[in-house]
Structures are given as C-alpha cells and as structure tokens.
Amino acid sequence: MPRQEWTTVEAPELGAWTPALTVTVVLPAKDCQDELDLTLAALAAQTYPAELLDVIVVDDASAEPLRLPAVHPERARVLRLPPGDGHGSGRARHAGAEAATGDVVLFLDADIVATRTHVEAHARWHHTVADAVVLGHKMFVDFDDITAADVLQATRDDTFDRLLAGRKQQRHGWQEDFIKSADRLTRPVDDAFLAVVGASVSAPRALYAESGGFSTFGLRGIVDTEFGYRAYTAGAVLIPEPAARSYHQGARNFAIRGDEIKRERSGLAANYLPIPLFRPSDVGRMWQVPVVHAVVDATSGTPEEVQVTVDSVLAAEYTDLVVTVSPSKALPRWVEDYFAADARVRFAPEPVRTGFPAPFSLIVPAGVAIGRSAVGTMLALTASEQVGLVRATVSDEPGPPVELWATRALHRARRHAGSDGLDETARRLFGVHWLSGAEIGVRPAVVGVTRQGMLFDESAAAAR
C-alpha cells in the first residue's frame, strides 16, 4: 500500500467474514482488580472466535497480586512482573508482547471495556493490510456500581447504550480532532504517529518486533507516542477504526493534569521524537534519536576512503545526524582511533541495513565525499518532491549512488520487495527522485596524505 493510503482498500464487514489470524490481547495492569474484572468480562463475550483469541494480563508488581475473576475469556492467564525501577505501562506491554503467540497483538488498558466487536474490528484490518497498526476508539464514562455480570450481558447483547444511559460520556477529543484534521491519517506527514494511544492499539507481532516495541520510561509518560513513532518509522500504515468502540472507566488523567504531564515528558520527547514539534530544528545538539542516521558502507572502499567519507558527512551543515561505519570488523585500529572522541561516530562489526529509529537513513559508499549542503538539500527534496527516496549519482562512472531514504519507506519496501526488486517497490510505494550529485557536491573522494601521514580529501580542497 502506498504511503498512508489505507482508504483505497476495504476491510470486510463486521460479522460477514471468516477470520484466520490469531490475536493475543495484552492488558498492562497494576493495583486495579475491580477495573480489570469489567475489562475481562467484556473480552469474554467478543465476536472474534474464541479459539483464535487469548488474553495476557501483565501484573506490573501490584501490591496484591492480580487474579483472573470468575468471568474471563476461555484462554487467559496472568503474567506477574517483579518490582523494578522500570515499572510502568511500557515495560508491562512489552513483557506481554514478548510472551504473546498471536499473529496480532492487541494492547488494551486494564480499565478499558470493549464492545462486542472490538477485537473483530481491529483484526479485520490485519487480514487486509499487511503493515496495519490499528487505533481503537473510546469514550470516558463513569462505571460506578456496574458489575462484571452487567458488562458481560451488555457486551453479549450490544446494549451498552442502555447500560450507560444517564451517565455523562466524554469523547477523546484531541485524538479524534487530530485524526480528522489529518484526513483520517491519510496524509503522510511526519507527526501522524501522534494519534497512537496505547489504550487500544494493535499491530502484527512481526512488525511490533521490528519496531522494537514499547520502551521503558517508568511513569514519565511518552511510551504510547514513542511506540507510535517507532511503528510509523518501521513502515506501519496507521489506521483509525471508529468501529473498535470501547469505554474507559472514569475520567481522563491528562484532562486533569495535562500541563504538568507535558512538562514532565518534554525532555524525553525531545530526545526520542525527532520532529519539530518536540525538538528545536538542527541547533547543533546531539540527541538520543537523530533525524539522520548515515551508514557508511565500508565494503566499497579502502580504510583511507572510509575515513575521508565519514569526515565529509560530519562536516555537513546539517548537524542532527550520526554516522555508523558498517561493517567495521576488517578495518584497521587506526580508523577507530581517529574517530574515538566523536560521539556521533559508531562502528558496527556486522553490516547495518538501516538507520532506524532515525526517520531518515543516509547510505553513503566509502570513497564518496559529500558537500556541506548535500544532506540538507536531500532532506528538503524528500519534502518538496513528496518521495521516500532521494538518490544522488556520484559520477558518470558506474557505482552505487548516495541514497537518502525515509526510514519508513526503506523498511516497508524491503518487507514487500518482489521480483521487480527494491527500487521498483520503493518507487511504487513512496516515490523516488534522482539528481546529479554534482549539483549538491557529491563526488568521488581523492585521498591525500600530508607530510605527517594524515589523510585528507583532495577533492574537497580542489572544490574550495
């Protein structure tokens, strides 16, 4: 599927299709037995086939261990985690995902009451779109004095409207408004992942693993958004599904202390979410996740050419980047010694095929030097030309070009490359733009040696 164009296909109608994929529901939970009882009651009456559905309750070191109540899905178990500094929904969700066996992993919060077709509404997209990450819909409502038996009956009969009559319901306003403003997430913008909320989100288990899954940030609050970023950067197609309806038991925490939560998470957001909304633009800083991760292919040149190529990347006017030399196990020690003090340079013994989780992967063959403005120019072209790959030829001689991939385009194209090859898949899914490297200072490096034996790029000196 090209970009975010999920509306170009149709998922099967609820109740009118035959599921085949297995689904594991992961419920991160802590000190919430009463809420969990209602959540499990709703999951016990889903329309999705029971033999294809299992549930893992991840008890994040509750003071009193959580248990399965009398009403629960046929295939359910509790996974209890030990106490630890990293406790929080991220750790619990990831532990549940690692224990999951389903083709699809559906994350629900332990205080979410799902309507009868909730799992089915998620799963139908995973039967339709290979890279789907599906976002459920929820309302906030008071469940005081409602029992598990009440929830079970309302789920079976689809009568939540009657069960909750007279109770004030609050919509998840910012998420719904964001999805609407982004044309139901069909526009391939850099911040589409902001719509991802862990209260109801599902992904293929293989794509979850490729993304690295939920991170552990304790209770500081960006785990949902950061997972959304990782999944999106790994090439997910984000699909909002209003039919995956659910109810959150009680008021939204963010609505009560939103400004405080924003401040608490601002440092993590700046480091792990490399978009302008969270990070000052290219201010000479080094961040946990850079915007550009350059991979220098050491197999295509000599150790001397590796050094001058890396130096040219580090000299770029665009500074929000790191460089990995790959593979490096055959390089002499002096190459690593030369870059030892620069934290932006890493060495990978085995081949590295992506700059993930950076949003852009710059692939540079050893023996190529790039001009100071080249990185910034290629980044601008991905936006102006609306493409997932910009290629710059090095010279008239045959050889690999310099490539700037949107990392999400690289991952999705690799997963679905057919007999026509990666290039054609990338063109079909995200678009490719070619340009002459001479226009932006991409050229073959010419290694020079000073009287002291130091290496430099003679082509750069000639260009000046």
Protein backbone atom coordinates (compact mmCIF):
# COMPACT_ATOMS: atom_id res chain seq x y z
CA MET A 1 0.00 0.00 0.00
CA PRO A 2 1.48 3.41 -0.93
CA ARG A 3 2.21 5.78 1.95
CA GLN A 4 -0.86 6.15 4.22
CA GLU A 5 -3.49 5.42 1.57
CA TRP A 6 -5.47 2.92 3.64
CA THR A 7 -8.82 4.27 2.45
CA THR A 8 -8.12 2.86 -1.02
CA VAL A 9 -8.98 -0.65 0.24
CA GLU A 10 -11.99 -2.03 2.06
CA ALA A 11 -11.92 -4.24 5.13
CA PRO A 12 -14.60 -6.95 5.40
CA GLU A 13 -17.89 -6.03 7.05
CA LEU A 14 -18.21 -6.96 10.69
CA GLY A 15 -19.89 -10.33 11.09
CA ALA A 16 -19.65 -11.14 7.38
CA TRP A 17 -16.23 -12.73 7.08
CA THR A 18 -14.14 -15.65 8.33
CA PRO A 19 -11.11 -14.74 10.49
CA ALA A 20 -7.92 -16.78 10.27
CA LEU A 21 -5.29 -14.85 12.27
CA THR A 22 -4.73 -15.47 15.98
CA VAL A 23 -4.92 -12.45 18.30
CA THR A 24 -3.27 -12.00 21.69
CA VAL A 25 -4.77 -9.25 23.84
CA VAL A 26 -2.23 -7.74 26.25
CA LEU A 27 -3.57 -5.94 29.33
CA PRO A 28 -0.96 -4.00 31.35
CA ALA A 29 -2.36 -3.77 34.89
CA LYS A 30 -1.37 -2.57 38.36
CA ASP A 31 -3.47 -2.43 41.53
CA CYS A 32 -6.74 -2.40 39.56
CA GLN A 33 -8.61 -5.65 40.24
CA ASP A 34 -12.06 -4.04 40.15
CA GLU A 35 -11.47 -2.38 36.77
CA LEU A 36 -9.78 -5.49 35.42
CA ASP A 37 -12.83 -7.61 36.29
CA LEU A 38 -15.00 -5.48 33.99
CA THR A 39 -12.40 -5.43 31.22
CA LEU A 40 -12.13 -9.24 31.22
CA ALA A 41 -15.92 -9.63 31.32
CA ALA A 42 -16.19 -7.64 28.10
CA LEU A 43 -13.42 -9.70 26.47
CA ALA A 44 -15.27 -12.88 27.41
CA ALA A 45 -18.11 -12.04 25.00
CA GLN A 46 -16.32 -10.88 21.85
CA THR A 47 -17.50 -11.80 18.37
CA TYR A 48 -13.98 -12.84 17.41
CA PRO A 49 -13.65 -16.65 17.53
CA ALA A 50 -12.60 -17.81 20.99
CA GLU A 51 -10.20 -20.37 19.56
CA LEU A 52 -8.28 -17.57 17.82
CA LEU A 53 -8.15 -15.29 20.87
CA ASP A 54 -6.08 -15.34 24.04
CA VAL A 55 -5.50 -12.76 26.78
CA ILE A 56 -2.41 -11.99 28.85
CA VAL A 57 -2.89 -9.85 31.96
CA VAL A 58 0.51 -8.38 32.79
CA ASP A 59 0.55 -7.65 36.52
CA ASP A 60 3.10 -4.87 36.94
CA ALA A 61 4.06 -5.75 40.53
CA SER A 62 0.69 -4.97 42.13
CA ALA A 63 0.75 -4.72 45.94
CA GLU A 64 -1.83 -7.51 45.98
CA PRO A 65 -1.33 -9.90 43.05
CA LEU A 66 -4.00 -9.65 40.39
CA ARG A 67 -6.07 -12.72 39.58
CA LEU A 68 -8.45 -13.93 36.93
CA PRO A 69 -12.03 -13.34 38.10
CA ALA A 70 -14.91 -15.76 37.63
CA VAL A 71 -15.83 -14.19 34.30
CA HIS A 72 -12.93 -14.15 31.83
CA PRO A 73 -12.09 -15.31 28.30
CA GLU A 74 -11.55 -19.04 27.78
CA ARG A 75 -7.83 -18.61 27.13
CA ALA A 76 -6.49 -16.11 29.66
CA ARG A 77 -3.58 -16.01 32.06
CA VAL A 78 -1.75 -13.64 34.40
CA LEU A 79 1.92 -12.79 33.87
CA ARG A 80 3.28 -11.22 37.06
CA LEU A 81 6.32 -8.95 36.82
CA PRO A 82 8.70 -8.38 39.75
CA PRO A 83 9.10 -4.90 41.25
CA GLY A 84 11.62 -2.71 39.46
CA ASP A 85 12.63 0.85 38.66
CA GLY A 86 11.31 0.48 35.14
CA HIS A 87 7.75 -0.33 36.09
CA GLY A 88 5.04 1.30 34.04
CA SER A 89 2.79 0.54 31.10
CA GLY A 90 5.71 0.39 28.64
CA ARG A 91 7.50 -2.37 30.49
CA ALA A 92 4.26 -4.28 31.08
CA ARG A 93 3.09 -4.04 27.47
CA HIS A 94 6.46 -5.14 26.13
CA ALA A 95 6.62 -8.10 28.51
CA GLY A 96 3.16 -9.14 27.36
CA ALA A 97 4.10 -8.78 23.70
CA GLU A 98 7.20 -10.93 24.18
CA ALA A 99 5.04 -13.63 25.79
CA ALA A 100 2.37 -13.37 23.08
CA THR A 101 1.89 -16.10 20.49
CA GLY A 102 -0.81 -14.46 18.35
CA ASP A 103 -0.24 -13.29 14.80
CA VAL A 104 -1.60 -9.94 16.01
CA VAL A 105 -1.00 -8.25 19.36
CA LEU A 106 -3.82 -6.01 20.61
CA PHE A 107 -2.96 -3.75 23.53
CA LEU A 108 -5.82 -2.63 25.77
CA ASP A 109 -5.56 -0.80 29.07
CA ALA A 110 -6.89 -2.75 32.03
CA ASP A 111 -9.64 -0.16 32.59
CA ILE A 112 -10.99 -0.35 29.03
CA VAL A 113 -14.37 -2.01 28.47
CA ALA A 114 -14.51 -3.21 24.87
CA THR A 115 -17.76 -3.53 22.94
CA ARG A 116 -18.59 -6.93 21.44
CA THR A 117 -16.96 -6.34 18.02
CA HIS A 118 -13.90 -4.50 19.32
CA VAL A 119 -11.37 -7.28 18.65
CA GLU A 120 -13.02 -8.15 15.33
CA ALA A 121 -12.89 -4.52 14.18
CA HIS A 122 -9.15 -4.45 14.85
CA ALA A 123 -8.46 -7.85 13.33
CA ARG A 124 -10.29 -7.30 10.05
CA TRP A 125 -7.67 -4.73 9.04
CA HIS A 126 -4.82 -7.10 9.82
CA HIS A 127 -6.41 -9.57 7.40
CA THR A 128 -6.48 -6.80 4.78
CA VAL A 129 -3.35 -4.64 5.18
CA ALA A 130 -0.01 -6.29 5.91
CA ASP A 131 1.50 -3.33 7.79
CA ALA A 132 -1.58 -2.14 9.68
CA VAL A 133 -1.33 -0.56 13.11
CA VAL A 134 -4.96 -0.10 14.10
CA LEU A 135 -6.20 2.54 16.55
CA GLY A 136 -9.38 1.89 18.53
CA HIS A 137 -11.97 4.43 19.65
CA LYS A 138 -13.02 5.15 23.22
CA MET A 139 -15.28 7.27 25.37
CA PHE A 140 -14.72 8.18 29.00
CA VAL A 141 -17.59 7.28 31.32
CA ASP A 142 -18.22 6.51 34.99
CA PHE A 143 -18.73 2.77 35.68
CA ASP A 144 -19.53 3.09 39.39
CA ASP A 145 -21.92 0.37 40.65
CA ILE A 146 -21.71 -1.56 37.37
CA THR A 147 -20.79 -5.23 37.84
CA ALA A 148 -18.94 -7.74 35.70
CA ALA A 149 -22.24 -9.53 35.12
CA ASP A 150 -23.72 -6.26 33.82
CA VAL A 151 -20.81 -5.79 31.44
CA LEU A 152 -20.96 -9.38 30.21
CA GLN A 153 -24.66 -9.04 29.41
CA ALA A 154 -24.25 -5.64 27.73
CA THR A 155 -21.40 -6.98 25.61
CA ARG A 156 -23.34 -10.08 24.51
CA ASP A 157 -26.47 -8.09 23.70
CA ASP A 158 -24.70 -4.96 22.42
CA THR A 159 -26.67 -2.86 24.88
CA PHE A 160 -24.06 -0.54 26.38
CA ASP A 161 -26.16 2.45 25.39
CA ARG A 162 -28.85 1.20 27.74
CA LEU A 163 -26.40 0.18 30.49
CA LEU A 164 -24.71 3.60 30.47
CA ALA A 165 -27.86 5.70 29.93
CA GLY A 166 -27.85 8.88 32.00
CA ARG A 167 -24.10 8.80 32.65
CA LYS A 168 -22.01 11.64 31.26
CA GLN A 169 -19.72 10.49 28.46
CA GLN A 170 -16.65 12.40 27.33
CA ARG A 171 -15.01 11.81 23.97
CA HIS A 172 -11.24 11.54 23.48
CA GLY A 173 -11.31 14.97 21.93
CA TRP A 174 -7.72 15.72 20.99
CA GLN A 175 -7.19 12.32 19.33
CA GLU A 176 -10.42 12.48 17.36
CA ASP A 177 -9.71 16.07 16.28
CA PHE A 178 -6.15 15.20 15.27
CA ILE A 179 -7.30 12.25 13.15
CA LYS A 180 -9.97 14.39 11.49
CA SER A 181 -7.52 17.23 10.76
CA ALA A 182 -5.13 14.72 9.13
CA ASP A 183 -7.85 13.43 6.78
CA ARG A 184 -8.22 10.23 8.82
CA LEU A 185 -4.42 9.89 8.82
CA THR A 186 -4.25 9.53 5.04
CA ARG A 187 -1.69 12.33 4.69
CA PRO A 188 1.93 11.05 5.04
CA VAL A 189 3.07 13.75 7.45
CA ASP A 190 5.92 13.38 9.92
CA ASP A 191 3.67 13.59 13.00
CA ALA A 192 0.91 11.10 12.07
CA PHE A 193 2.11 8.82 14.87
CA LEU A 194 0.79 11.26 17.48
CA ALA A 195 -2.60 9.59 17.04
CA VAL A 196 -1.30 6.33 18.54
CA VAL A 197 -2.68 5.74 22.05
CA GLY A 198 -1.88 2.57 23.95
CA ALA A 199 -5.37 2.18 25.43
CA SER A 200 -6.45 0.39 22.23
CA VAL A 201 -3.85 -0.28 19.55
CA SER A 202 -2.95 -3.41 17.59
CA ALA A 203 -0.08 -4.49 15.35
CA PRO A 204 1.21 -7.61 13.62
CA ARG A 205 3.54 -9.33 16.08
CA ALA A 206 6.35 -9.36 13.49
CA LEU A 207 6.06 -5.61 12.86
CA TYR A 208 5.95 -5.00 16.61
CA ALA A 209 9.25 -6.86 16.97
CA GLU A 210 10.80 -4.96 14.05
CA SER A 211 9.86 -1.64 15.65
CA GLY A 212 11.45 -2.57 18.98
CA GLY A 213 8.10 -2.31 20.72
CA PHE A 214 7.19 -0.28 23.79
CA SER A 215 10.08 1.32 25.64
CA THR A 216 10.53 1.51 29.39
CA PHE A 217 10.43 5.10 30.64
CA GLY A 218 8.89 4.43 34.02
CA LEU A 219 5.95 6.72 34.71
CA ARG A 220 7.14 9.74 32.72
CA GLY A 221 4.59 9.37 30.03
CA ILE A 222 5.71 9.13 26.39
CA VAL A 223 5.56 5.36 25.90
CA ASP A 224 2.43 5.44 23.71
CA THR A 225 3.69 8.21 21.46
CA GLU A 226 7.20 6.78 21.27
CA PHE A 227 5.84 3.37 20.26
CA GLY A 228 3.70 5.10 17.63
CA TYR A 229 6.82 6.84 16.33
CA ARG A 230 8.78 3.59 16.19
CA ALA A 231 5.99 1.69 14.43
CA TYR A 232 5.44 4.52 11.92
CA THR A 233 9.18 4.76 11.23
CA ALA A 234 9.27 1.00 10.67
CA GLY A 235 6.76 1.48 7.87
CA ALA A 236 3.41 0.93 9.58
CA VAL A 237 0.16 2.03 7.98
CA LEU A 238 -1.76 3.80 10.76
CA ILE A 239 -5.49 3.07 10.53
CA PRO A 240 -8.06 4.70 12.84
CA GLU A 241 -11.01 2.35 13.37
CA PRO A 242 -14.12 4.01 14.87
CA ALA A 243 -15.90 0.64 14.89
CA ALA A 244 -13.44 -0.64 17.50
CA ARG A 245 -15.54 1.05 20.18
CA SER A 246 -14.74 0.94 23.89
CA TYR A 247 -15.28 2.76 27.18
CA HIS A 248 -12.66 3.99 29.60
CA GLN A 249 -13.74 3.54 33.20
CA GLY A 250 -13.58 7.06 34.62
CA ALA A 251 -12.22 10.47 33.65
CA ARG A 252 -9.11 11.03 31.57
CA ASN A 253 -5.99 11.68 33.67
CA PHE A 254 -4.46 14.01 31.10
CA ALA A 255 -7.51 16.25 31.19
CA ILE A 256 -6.98 16.70 34.91
CA ARG A 257 -3.20 17.46 34.96
CA GLY A 258 -2.30 17.95 31.29
CA ASP A 259 0.17 20.85 31.65
CA GLU A 260 2.10 19.05 34.36
CA ILE A 261 2.31 15.88 32.28
CA LYS A 262 3.58 17.81 29.25
CA ARG A 263 6.41 19.34 31.29
CA GLU A 264 7.39 16.01 32.84
CA ARG A 265 7.77 14.36 29.45
CA SER A 266 9.33 17.25 27.49
CA GLY A 267 12.93 16.09 27.89
CA LEU A 268 12.18 12.54 26.79
CA ALA A 269 10.06 13.78 23.90
CA ALA A 270 12.87 15.98 22.60
CA ASN A 271 15.34 13.10 22.66
CA TYR A 272 13.20 10.29 21.27
CA LEU A 273 10.72 12.03 18.93
CA PRO A 274 12.75 13.78 16.21
CA ILE A 275 10.16 16.12 14.71
CA PRO A 276 9.98 19.93 15.02
CA LEU A 277 7.02 19.75 17.41
CA PHE A 278 9.30 18.36 20.12
CA ARG A 279 12.77 19.48 19.08
CA PRO A 280 14.37 22.78 18.10
CA SER A 281 15.38 22.48 14.46
CA ASP A 282 19.02 21.49 13.87
CA VAL A 283 20.65 23.51 16.66
CA GLY A 284 23.96 21.67 16.76
CA ARG A 285 22.82 19.32 19.53
CA MET A 286 23.22 15.57 19.78
CA TRP A 287 20.02 13.68 20.62
CA GLN A 288 19.18 10.10 21.52
CA VAL A 289 17.43 9.66 18.15
CA PRO A 290 18.90 11.85 15.39
CA VAL A 291 16.95 13.00 12.36
CA VAL A 292 19.55 11.49 10.00
CA HIS A 293 21.49 8.28 10.60
CA ALA A 294 24.21 7.92 7.98
CA VAL A 295 25.53 4.45 7.22
CA VAL A 296 28.93 4.41 5.50
CA ASP A 297 29.40 1.18 3.55
CA ALA A 298 32.97 0.22 4.37
CA THR A 299 32.99 -2.64 1.86
CA SER A 300 33.02 -0.24 -1.07
CA GLY A 301 36.38 1.40 -0.35
CA THR A 302 39.73 1.33 1.41
CA PRO A 303 40.20 2.25 5.10
CA GLU A 304 41.60 5.57 3.94
CA GLU A 305 38.49 6.24 1.88
CA VAL A 306 36.29 5.27 4.83
CA GLN A 307 37.96 7.99 6.92
CA VAL A 308 37.59 10.80 4.40
CA THR A 309 33.99 9.79 3.63
CA VAL A 310 32.99 9.88 7.32
CA ASP A 311 34.76 13.22 7.71
CA SER A 312 32.74 14.68 4.84
CA VAL A 313 29.46 13.55 6.44
CA LEU A 314 30.45 15.02 9.81
CA ALA A 315 31.29 18.32 8.12
CA ALA A 316 27.73 18.72 6.81
CA GLU A 317 25.93 21.96 7.60
CA TYR A 318 23.05 19.84 8.81
CA THR A 319 24.17 18.63 12.24
CA ASP A 320 21.33 16.49 13.64
CA LEU A 321 22.97 13.29 12.48
CA VAL A 322 25.13 10.34 13.48
CA VAL A 323 27.33 8.03 11.40
CA THR A 324 27.73 4.27 11.57
CA VAL A 325 30.64 2.62 9.76
CA SER A 326 29.50 -0.81 8.56
CA PRO A 327 30.89 -3.42 8.57
CA SER A 328 33.94 -2.45 10.57
CA LYS A 329 35.47 -5.73 11.73
CA ALA A 330 38.03 -5.75 8.89
CA LEU A 331 39.12 -2.13 9.40
CA PRO A 332 42.50 -1.37 10.99
CA ARG A 333 42.51 0.01 14.53
CA TRP A 334 43.72 3.43 13.47
CA VAL A 335 40.35 4.23 11.84
CA GLU A 336 38.52 3.79 15.16
CA ASP A 337 41.30 5.67 16.99
CA TYR A 338 40.82 8.62 14.64
CA PHE A 339 37.09 8.96 15.49
CA ALA A 340 37.30 7.80 19.12
CA ALA A 341 36.44 11.21 20.62
CA ASP A 342 33.45 11.91 18.36
CA ALA A 343 30.27 10.54 19.94
CA ARG A 344 28.45 10.85 16.61
CA VAL A 345 30.51 8.04 15.06
CA ARG A 346 29.76 4.37 15.73
CA PHE A 347 31.36 1.21 14.37
CA ALA A 348 29.28 -1.89 13.61
CA PRO A 349 31.19 -5.17 13.15
CA GLU A 350 28.40 -6.64 11.02
CA PRO A 351 26.54 -4.99 8.13
CA VAL A 352 23.89 -2.40 9.10
CA ARG A 353 20.99 -2.11 6.67
CA THR A 354 19.03 0.80 8.15
CA GLY A 355 19.33 3.97 10.19
CA PHE A 356 16.28 3.03 12.28
CA PRO A 357 14.96 4.52 14.55
CA ALA A 358 16.11 7.76 12.90
CA PRO A 359 13.42 8.95 10.46
CA PHE A 360 16.00 9.25 7.65
CA SER A 361 18.68 6.76 6.63
CA LEU A 362 21.57 8.15 4.57
CA ILE A 363 23.52 5.42 2.74
CA VAL A 364 26.98 6.57 1.62
CA PRO A 365 29.53 4.33 -0.13
CA ALA A 366 33.08 4.58 1.19
CA GLY A 367 35.16 6.56 -1.27
CA VAL A 368 32.48 9.20 -1.77
CA ALA A 369 32.64 12.71 -0.36
CA ILE A 370 29.54 14.82 0.11
CA GLY A 371 29.31 18.60 0.05
CA ARG A 372 28.42 20.59 3.15
CA SER A 373 24.90 21.36 1.93
CA ALA A 374 24.15 17.92 0.47
CA VAL A 375 22.33 16.43 3.47
CA GLY A 376 20.09 19.46 3.94
CA THR A 377 19.33 19.62 0.23
CA MET A 378 18.37 15.95 0.03
CA LEU A 379 16.16 16.29 3.12
CA ALA A 380 14.39 19.24 1.51
CA LEU A 381 13.83 17.22 -1.67
CA THR A 382 12.07 14.40 0.20
CA ALA A 383 9.53 17.02 1.31
CA SER A 384 9.23 19.11 -1.87
CA GLU A 385 9.07 16.08 -4.19
CA GLN A 386 6.95 14.03 -1.75
CA VAL A 387 9.17 10.96 -2.11
CA GLY A 388 10.58 8.32 0.21
CA LEU A 389 13.96 8.07 -1.53
CA VAL A 390 16.37 10.64 -2.98
CA ARG A 391 19.32 9.29 -4.95
CA ALA A 392 22.38 11.31 -5.95
CA THR A 393 24.71 9.88 -8.60
CA VAL A 394 28.40 10.13 -7.75
CA SER A 395 29.86 10.46 -11.23
CA ASP A 396 29.43 9.22 -14.77
CA GLU A 397 31.22 6.04 -13.77
CA PRO A 398 29.09 3.03 -12.71
CA GLY A 399 28.81 2.60 -8.97
CA PRO A 400 26.40 2.91 -6.06
CA PRO A 401 24.76 6.30 -5.52
CA VAL A 402 24.31 8.21 -2.28
CA GLU A 403 20.80 7.47 -1.00
CA LEU A 404 18.63 9.30 1.49
CA TRP A 405 15.70 7.10 2.50
CA ALA A 406 12.76 7.96 4.64
CA THR A 407 13.36 5.06 7.01
CA ARG A 408 9.70 4.07 6.94
CA ALA A 409 9.91 3.77 3.14
CA LEU A 410 13.06 1.64 3.40
CA HIS A 411 11.54 -0.79 5.90
CA ARG A 412 8.23 -1.19 4.10
CA ALA A 413 9.87 -1.55 0.69
CA ARG A 414 12.21 -4.24 2.00
CA ARG A 415 9.35 -6.19 3.57
CA HIS A 416 7.42 -6.22 0.29
CA ALA A 417 10.12 -6.20 -2.40
CA GLY A 418 9.01 -8.54 -5.16
CA SER A 419 10.61 -9.96 -8.25
CA ASP A 420 10.88 -6.46 -9.71
CA GLY A 421 13.35 -5.54 -6.95
CA LEU A 422 13.68 -3.00 -4.17
CA ASP A 423 13.95 0.01 -6.48
CA GLU A 424 10.63 -0.59 -8.19
CA THR A 425 8.94 -1.37 -4.88
CA ALA A 426 10.24 1.89 -3.39
CA ARG A 427 9.05 3.84 -6.44
CA ARG A 428 5.60 2.27 -6.27
CA LEU A 429 5.12 2.71 -2.51
CA PHE A 430 6.75 6.08 -1.81
CA GLY A 431 8.31 7.54 -4.97
CA VAL A 432 11.97 8.06 -5.96
CA HIS A 433 13.76 11.25 -7.03
CA TRP A 434 17.10 11.17 -8.84
CA LEU A 435 19.56 14.03 -9.16
CA SER A 436 23.12 14.56 -10.26
CA GLY A 437 25.48 14.51 -7.31
CA ALA A 438 27.46 17.29 -8.94
CA GLU A 439 24.55 19.64 -8.18
CA ILE A 440 25.00 19.19 -4.43
CA GLY A 441 28.71 18.47 -4.14
CA VAL A 442 28.59 14.67 -4.11
CA ARG A 443 31.81 13.47 -5.73
CA PRO A 444 34.44 10.73 -5.63
CA ALA A 445 36.84 11.34 -2.77
CA VAL A 446 40.51 11.71 -3.62
CA VAL A 447 42.64 10.65 -0.67
CA GLY A 448 45.63 12.83 0.01
CA VAL A 449 48.38 12.36 2.62
CA THR A 450 50.20 15.14 4.46
CA ARG A 451 53.89 15.02 5.36
CA GLN A 452 52.84 13.85 8.83
CA GLY A 453 50.89 10.95 7.34
CA MET A 454 47.46 12.46 8.00
CA LEU A 455 44.69 11.84 5.50
CA PHE A 456 42.55 14.46 3.78
CA ASP A 457 40.19 14.75 0.82
CA GLU A 458 41.97 16.44 -2.08
CA SER A 459 38.70 16.77 -3.97
CA ALA A 460 37.33 18.98 -1.17
CA ALA A 461 40.41 21.18 -1.34
CA ALA A 462 40.01 21.44 -5.10
CA ALA A 463 36.33 22.33 -4.73
CA ARG A 464 37.26 25.23 -2.47
